Amino acid sequence: MKIATWNVNSVKARLETVTAWLKDAAPDVVALQEIKSTDDTFPRGAFEDLGYNCAVHGQKTYNGVAILSKRPLEDITPRLPGGSGDDHARYIEAVVTGDHGVVRIASIYAPNGNPLGTEKFPYKLAWLERLHTRAAEILSYEEPAVLMGDYNVIPTDDDCHDPLVWMNDALFQPQSKAALRRIENLGYQDAFRACDSRPHRYTFWDYQAGSWQKDHGIRIDFQILTPQALDRLKTCIIDKRVRGWDKPSDHVPVVSEIDI
């Protein structure tokens, strides 16, 4: 099963780009983030025409996540548990049945947390703590699961072009890195790093200052696997060519193949 995650930075603004990539890459399951669309205005028809079922947890103008699957989606759960009063559309979860069992999929759009010194950074850390709690619950199911999306965390110096540029950014703070490590230390594995140990492989390039042309990027989009999914992992790549297409997102897809 080919499984992908992609922060599309507005699904309606990038619809031609997204559908072109889906036709080209033909993933079985895709987790989308930052769709910037409500459930009602999400362009389901364009994806259904390509054979995808759609589960959407949207929000007008900001945030929003979705899961597209060529197989039926079951046990669909929008919203991350906890966080009473949190109306940000940042999490959706579903179960997909493959040829060799089931896989639980989560599409994740973690808070950015900037600027530091405002309420946005504590919110980011609290949200990641809620994700840690849910990740522990999922791990207890002892089933293949892929928690994937835009985590808005730069894990190490090797995951950015220049650490000094990011020293005062919420994505690179010790607390942010520690929050991601706490999730991984439950027993999860970064799928890309399980397949590729080379440094300076990025998933995001800013639109400003020629970041794409200079390869001044960061890696903040991940597929985090339970041991049961890791055992079935075949490959995981960053499809960076998409960043050079017309009207690209500032993120690119991360694509794995898992024997499910």
Foldseek 3Di string as FASTA:
>chain_A
DKEKEEAFQACVLCVVLVLVVCVVVVGQKYKYKFNQDDPVPPPVVSLVVVQWDKDWHHDHRTIIMIMIGNADWAPKDWDQPDDPPDNHRAKIWTWGADPVGIEIEMEGDQQQQPDPPDVSVVSRLVVLVSVLVVLLVVLVVVAKYKYWYFSNAQQDCLFFDHVVVCVRGSNDDPSSNVSVVSSVVSAKDFQQCVADVHGLDAFFADPPDCRVVVSGHGHRITIIIHPNQVVFWDHKDWPCVSVVDPPGDRGTMIMTDGDD
